[in-house]
Amino acid sequence: MAVQSFGTLAAAHAVKPTGAGLETILYGGRKFTCRPDMARIFLKRAREVIESGDEQLVPLLHAGGIELLLVSRATPYSLVGPAGE
């Protein structure tokens, strides 16, 4: 049985940046293109962290791989809509 590293596994499941049906999240001056379901998961978890008054690293699976983004009340981020707009 072959064993894949987490990075290889994540890259295999990362979205391919075609633009169609993808969302863009702005965070820290960077744009992350991701599938709508991944955007919803990130936004839901970020909202939970902020509502609890906590500060945590929240994972985002996007076209370039996986990022752990620090989310707190002081962290600006936004969903800007479909990629390519």
C-alpha atoms as a PDB file:
ATOM      1  CA  MET A   1       0.000   0.000   0.000  1.00  0.00           C
ATOM      2  CA  ALA A   2       1.471   3.349  -1.060  1.00  0.00           C
ATOM      3  CA  VAL A   3       1.562   6.162   1.466  1.00  0.00           C
ATOM      4  CA  GLN A   4       0.989   9.747   0.353  1.00  0.00           C
ATOM      5  CA  SER A   5       2.277  12.712   2.272  1.00  0.00           C
ATOM      6  CA  PHE A   6      -0.278  15.279   3.393  1.00  0.00           C
ATOM      7  CA  GLY A   7       1.138  17.837   0.918  1.00  0.00           C
ATOM      8  CA  THR A   8       0.804  15.430  -2.003  1.00  0.00           C
ATOM      9  CA  LEU A   9      -2.713  14.490  -0.969  1.00  0.00           C
ATOM     10  CA  ALA A  10      -3.715  18.149  -0.601  1.00  0.00           C
ATOM     11  CA  ALA A  11      -2.257  19.064  -3.991  1.00  0.00           C
ATOM     12  CA  ALA A  12      -4.168  16.212  -5.626  1.00  0.00           C
ATOM     13  CA  HIS A  13      -7.454  17.592  -4.258  1.00  0.00           C
ATOM     14  CA  ALA A  14      -6.717  21.290  -4.796  1.00  0.00           C
ATOM     15  CA  VAL A  15      -8.956  23.031  -7.287  1.00  0.00           C
ATOM     16  CA  LYS A  16      -7.640  23.840 -10.729  1.00  0.00           C
ATOM     17  CA  PRO A  17      -7.943  27.591 -11.452  1.00  0.00           C
ATOM     18  CA  THR A  18     -10.266  27.610 -14.462  1.00  0.00           C
ATOM     19  CA  GLY A  19     -12.445  30.433 -13.159  1.00  0.00           C
ATOM     20  CA  ALA A  20     -15.802  28.785 -13.900  1.00  0.00           C
ATOM     21  CA  GLY A  21     -17.778  28.106 -10.730  1.00  0.00           C
ATOM     22  CA  LEU A  22     -14.972  29.225  -8.420  1.00  0.00           C
ATOM     23  CA  GLU A  23     -15.052  31.832  -5.653  1.00  0.00           C
ATOM     24  CA  THR A  24     -12.425  34.380  -4.645  1.00  0.00           C
ATOM     25  CA  ILE A  25     -11.566  35.137  -1.031  1.00  0.00           C
ATOM     26  CA  LEU A  26      -9.500  38.236  -0.229  1.00  0.00           C
ATOM     27  CA  TYR A  27      -7.267  37.957   2.832  1.00  0.00           C
ATOM     28  CA  GLY A  28      -4.263  40.058   3.785  1.00  0.00           C
ATOM     29  CA  GLY A  29      -3.895  41.581   0.328  1.00  0.00           C
ATOM     30  CA  ARG A  30      -3.919  38.159  -1.337  1.00  0.00           C
ATOM     31  CA  LYS A  31      -6.566  36.518  -3.512  1.00  0.00           C
ATOM     32  CA  PHE A  32      -7.415  32.857  -3.010  1.00  0.00           C
ATOM     33  CA  THR A  33      -9.435  31.083  -5.703  1.00  0.00           C
ATOM     34  CA  CYS A  34     -11.413  28.142  -4.363  1.00  0.00           C
ATOM     35  CA  ARG A  35     -14.462  26.001  -4.947  1.00  0.00           C
ATOM     36  CA  PRO A  36     -17.718  27.372  -3.502  1.00  0.00           C
ATOM     37  CA  ASP A  37     -17.933  24.560  -0.939  1.00  0.00           C
ATOM     38  CA  MET A  38     -14.404  25.288   0.314  1.00  0.00           C
ATOM     39  CA  ALA A  39     -15.242  29.006   0.552  1.00  0.00           C
ATOM     40  CA  ARG A  40     -18.368  28.202   2.590  1.00  0.00           C
ATOM     41  CA  ILE A  41     -16.415  25.936   4.957  1.00  0.00           C
ATOM     42  CA  PHE A  42     -13.744  28.612   5.494  1.00  0.00           C
ATOM     43  CA  LEU A  43     -16.291  31.407   6.014  1.00  0.00           C
ATOM     44  CA  LYS A  44     -18.384  29.312   8.418  1.00  0.00           C
ATOM     45  CA  ARG A  45     -15.364  28.427  10.557  1.00  0.00           C
ATOM     46  CA  ALA A  46     -14.035  32.009  10.448  1.00  0.00           C
ATOM     47  CA  ARG A  47     -17.431  33.302  11.597  1.00  0.00           C
ATOM     48  CA  GLU A  48     -17.472  30.791  14.493  1.00  0.00           C
ATOM     49  CA  VAL A  49     -13.984  31.883  15.581  1.00  0.00           C
ATOM     50  CA  ILE A  50     -14.905  35.574  15.493  1.00  0.00           C
ATOM     51  CA  GLU A  51     -18.227  35.073  17.303  1.00  0.00           C
ATOM     52  CA  SER A  52     -16.429  33.209  20.092  1.00  0.00           C
ATOM     53  CA  GLY A  53     -13.974  36.117  20.449  1.00  0.00           C
ATOM     54  CA  ASP A  54     -11.123  33.732  19.741  1.00  0.00           C
ATOM     55  CA  GLU A  55      -8.134  33.859  17.389  1.00  0.00           C
ATOM     56  CA  GLN A  56      -7.279  30.713  15.397  1.00  0.00           C
ATOM     57  CA  LEU A  57      -5.647  29.403  12.255  1.00  0.00           C
ATOM     58  CA  VAL A  58      -8.415  28.405   9.851  1.00  0.00           C
ATOM     59  CA  PRO A  59      -7.577  26.156   6.881  1.00  0.00           C
ATOM     60  CA  LEU A  60      -8.519  27.152   3.336  1.00  0.00           C
ATOM     61  CA  LEU A  61      -8.159  24.692   0.470  1.00  0.00           C
ATOM     62  CA  HIS A  62      -7.652  26.749  -2.691  1.00  0.00           C
ATOM     63  CA  ALA A  63      -6.196  26.495  -6.199  1.00  0.00           C
ATOM     64  CA  GLY A  64      -2.634  26.807  -4.891  1.00  0.00           C
ATOM     65  CA  GLY A  65      -2.966  24.243  -2.099  1.00  0.00           C
ATOM     66  CA  ILE A  66      -3.785  24.684   1.579  1.00  0.00           C
ATOM     67  CA  GLU A  67      -3.252  27.822   3.651  1.00  0.00           C
ATOM     68  CA  LEU A  68      -3.710  28.263   7.381  1.00  0.00           C
ATOM     69  CA  LEU A  69      -5.095  31.778   7.730  1.00  0.00           C
ATOM     70  CA  LEU A  70      -5.106  33.564  11.076  1.00  0.00           C
ATOM     71  CA  VAL A  71      -8.648  34.694  11.832  1.00  0.00           C
ATOM     72  CA  SER A  72      -9.598  37.136  14.588  1.00  0.00           C
ATOM     73  CA  ARG A  73     -11.830  40.164  15.027  1.00  0.00           C
ATOM     74  CA  ALA A  74      -8.967  42.327  13.717  1.00  0.00           C
ATOM     75  CA  THR A  75      -8.412  40.253  10.559  1.00  0.00           C
ATOM     76  CA  PRO A  76     -10.023  41.644   7.395  1.00  0.00           C
ATOM     77  CA  TYR A  77     -11.177  39.048   4.870  1.00  0.00           C
ATOM     78  CA  SER A  78     -14.014  38.904   2.374  1.00  0.00           C
ATOM     79  CA  LEU A  79     -15.674  36.772  -0.242  1.00  0.00           C
ATOM     80  CA  VAL A  80     -15.650  38.831  -3.427  1.00  0.00           C
ATOM     81  CA  GLY A  81     -17.684  36.409  -5.505  1.00  0.00           C
ATOM     82  CA  PRO A  82     -17.025  34.297  -8.553  1.00  0.00           C
ATOM     83  CA  ALA A  83     -13.423  34.126  -9.735  1.00  0.00           C
ATOM     84  CA  GLY A  84     -12.639  36.096 -12.831  1.00  0.00           C
ATOM     85  CA  GLU A  85     -15.123  38.900 -12.157  1.00  0.00           C
END
